[in-house]
Structure formats: structure tokens, C-alpha cells
Amino acid sequence: MQILVVDDETDVRDLFQQRFRREIRSGELSFNFAFSGEEALAYLRARPSEVLLILSDINMPGMSGLELLGHVKAEGHMPPTTMMMITAYGDDNSRQEALGLGATDFLTKPLDFAVLRQKLQELPAL
């Protein structure tokens, strides 16, 4: 499964590569990273059929994760229908807004990688 992780904190790349080392090595999961909503949108537009899942932080400078979610859902030619939002703020308003915009799930930071791994395994075949 091809996953795009969108977060303005660049250390997430090392964290994901470390936590999913086995899955990456086996070819089960493949991660790409964008460090802003704008970068993610450019990546998705350039590779419209590659990404199957987007994991996006909500609070980023420039385009927020919720704005990115709105663009992804509005641009019908982009295939990722599965988008999980990640935020340090687990308040109910953010959760409802994300789910209302079409997010598949809502996770809070610090990210529990065991929970994320389980959620990835529960996804229908993409």
C-alpha cells in the first residue's frame, strides 16, 4: 500500500521509517512524505494514481490538513478516498469537522503506532 504522510515536522519521516521498517522491507507498505499541504497537493497531482492512503497532520503553516482534505475530496480525479487526520488536538470539534469533510479516521498525537498499524490492517483492500 502506497501511503503519503503529510506533516510539517520533518522528523516524522524517520519515525515512520523506523516504526514500519518490517512492512517497508517486505514491500507491504511504501511511504512518501510531504512537509506541507501545498507540497502534498502538488505530489498528488503529479502522481494521481500512486497514493492509496493519506495520513495528514491538521495543524500546519499555510494549507492546513483540513484544507488539504477538502481539495483531495473536491478533485475527483485524485484516487485517495482514504484519508486519516492526525492532530495534537483531539477535541470533538476538530474530529467532527474532519469526519464531516470526508476523513476516514482521526488520530491524536503522540501517535500510537500500534493503533495505526491495526487501523491499516483493517482497511479494505485498496
Protein backbone atom coordinates (compact mmCIF):
# COMPACT_ATOMS: atom_id res chain seq x y z
CA MET A 1 0.00 0.00 0.00
CA GLN A 2 1.34 3.41 -1.00
CA ILE A 3 0.97 5.98 1.82
CA LEU A 4 1.59 9.72 1.75
CA VAL A 5 2.37 11.20 5.17
CA VAL A 6 1.83 14.97 5.39
CA ASP A 7 3.32 16.78 8.39
CA ASP A 8 5.34 19.96 8.76
CA GLU A 9 7.60 18.21 11.30
CA THR A 10 10.37 16.62 9.23
CA ASP A 11 11.30 14.10 11.93
CA VAL A 12 8.13 12.12 11.13
CA ARG A 13 9.97 10.58 8.16
CA ASP A 14 12.49 8.85 10.44
CA LEU A 15 9.79 7.89 12.91
CA PHE A 16 7.58 6.20 10.28
CA GLN A 17 10.53 4.51 8.59
CA GLN A 18 11.67 3.16 11.94
CA ARG A 19 8.24 2.03 13.20
CA PHE A 20 7.25 0.35 9.90
CA ARG A 21 10.69 -0.99 8.99
CA ARG A 22 9.47 -4.58 8.57
CA GLU A 23 6.46 -3.62 6.43
CA ILE A 24 8.62 -1.36 4.24
CA ARG A 25 11.27 -4.05 3.77
CA SER A 26 8.64 -6.65 2.81
CA GLY A 27 7.03 -4.26 0.33
CA GLU A 28 3.72 -4.37 2.22
CA LEU A 29 3.84 -0.61 2.82
CA SER A 30 5.57 2.21 0.99
CA PHE A 31 5.79 5.71 2.45
CA ASN A 32 6.30 9.08 0.81
CA PHE A 33 6.41 12.33 2.73
CA ALA A 34 5.24 15.89 2.14
CA PHE A 35 6.03 18.62 4.64
CA SER A 36 3.14 20.97 3.81
CA GLY A 37 -0.37 20.78 2.44
CA GLU A 38 0.78 22.55 -0.72
CA GLU A 39 3.60 20.05 -1.25
CA ALA A 40 1.18 17.16 -0.71
CA LEU A 41 -1.28 18.57 -3.25
CA ALA A 42 1.50 19.01 -5.83
CA TYR A 43 2.67 15.44 -5.17
CA LEU A 44 -0.85 14.05 -5.58
CA ARG A 45 -1.49 16.00 -8.78
CA ALA A 46 1.80 14.77 -10.28
CA ARG A 47 1.12 11.14 -9.31
CA PRO A 48 -2.66 10.80 -9.44
CA SER A 49 -2.78 7.00 -9.33
CA GLU A 50 0.01 6.16 -6.88
CA VAL A 51 -1.21 7.12 -3.41
CA LEU A 52 -3.85 4.94 -1.76
CA LEU A 53 -3.87 6.45 1.70
CA ILE A 54 -3.05 9.89 3.07
CA LEU A 55 -2.10 10.45 6.73
CA SER A 56 -2.17 14.18 7.34
CA ASP A 57 -1.48 16.43 10.28
CA ILE A 58 -4.23 19.01 10.72
CA ASN A 59 -2.24 21.96 12.08
CA MET A 60 0.41 23.07 9.58
CA PRO A 61 1.51 26.51 8.40
CA GLY A 62 -0.02 27.53 5.09
CA MET A 63 -2.58 24.96 3.98
CA SER A 64 -3.97 23.01 6.93
CA GLY A 65 -4.68 19.31 6.80
CA LEU A 66 -8.40 20.06 6.73
CA GLU A 67 -7.93 22.34 3.70
CA LEU A 68 -5.88 19.59 2.04
CA LEU A 69 -8.67 17.12 2.78
CA GLY A 70 -11.16 19.47 1.14
CA HIS A 71 -9.00 19.74 -2.00
CA VAL A 72 -8.48 15.97 -2.22
CA LYS A 73 -12.19 15.26 -1.87
CA ALA A 74 -13.15 18.05 -4.31
CA GLU A 75 -10.74 16.95 -7.02
CA GLY A 76 -12.45 13.79 -8.19
CA HIS A 77 -9.55 12.65 -10.35
CA MET A 78 -7.45 12.03 -7.25
CA PRO A 79 -7.96 8.44 -6.17
CA PRO A 80 -7.19 8.58 -2.44
CA THR A 81 -10.55 8.12 -0.85
CA THR A 82 -8.91 7.09 2.41
CA MET A 83 -7.51 9.98 4.40
CA MET A 84 -6.74 9.83 8.10
CA MET A 85 -6.18 13.03 10.04
CA ILE A 86 -3.57 13.28 12.80
CA THR A 87 -3.55 16.09 15.34
CA ALA A 88 -2.23 17.07 18.73
CA TYR A 89 -5.68 18.49 19.45
CA GLY A 90 -8.16 15.68 19.98
CA ASP A 91 -11.10 18.00 20.58
CA ASP A 92 -14.51 16.95 19.36
CA ASN A 93 -14.95 19.97 17.05
CA SER A 94 -11.80 19.10 15.06
CA ARG A 95 -12.87 15.46 14.93
CA GLN A 96 -16.37 16.31 13.69
CA GLU A 97 -15.02 18.76 11.12
CA ALA A 98 -12.52 16.22 9.77
CA LEU A 99 -15.08 13.43 9.57
CA GLY A 100 -17.62 15.82 8.05
CA LEU A 101 -15.15 16.73 5.31
CA GLY A 102 -14.69 13.06 4.48
CA ALA A 103 -11.79 11.86 6.65
CA THR A 104 -11.86 8.13 7.22
CA ASP A 105 -10.37 8.35 10.69
CA PHE A 106 -8.98 10.78 13.25
CA LEU A 107 -5.86 10.00 15.31
CA THR A 108 -4.22 12.04 18.06
CA LYS A 109 -0.57 12.80 18.77
CA PRO A 110 1.56 11.42 20.12
CA LEU A 111 0.70 8.81 17.55
CA ASP A 112 0.18 5.31 18.89
CA PHE A 113 1.83 3.26 16.14
CA ALA A 114 0.26 0.01 17.37
CA VAL A 115 -3.19 1.57 16.88
CA LEU A 116 -2.19 2.95 13.47
CA ARG A 117 -0.82 -0.44 12.39
CA GLN A 118 -4.11 -2.09 13.42
CA LYS A 119 -6.16 0.53 11.53
CA LEU A 120 -4.05 -0.01 8.40
CA GLN A 121 -4.64 -3.76 8.61
CA GLU A 122 -8.40 -3.20 9.00
CA LEU A 123 -8.66 -1.09 5.84
CA PRO A 124 -10.43 -2.78 2.97
CA ALA A 125 -8.11 -3.78 0.15
CA LEU A 126 -7.33 -0.56 -1.67
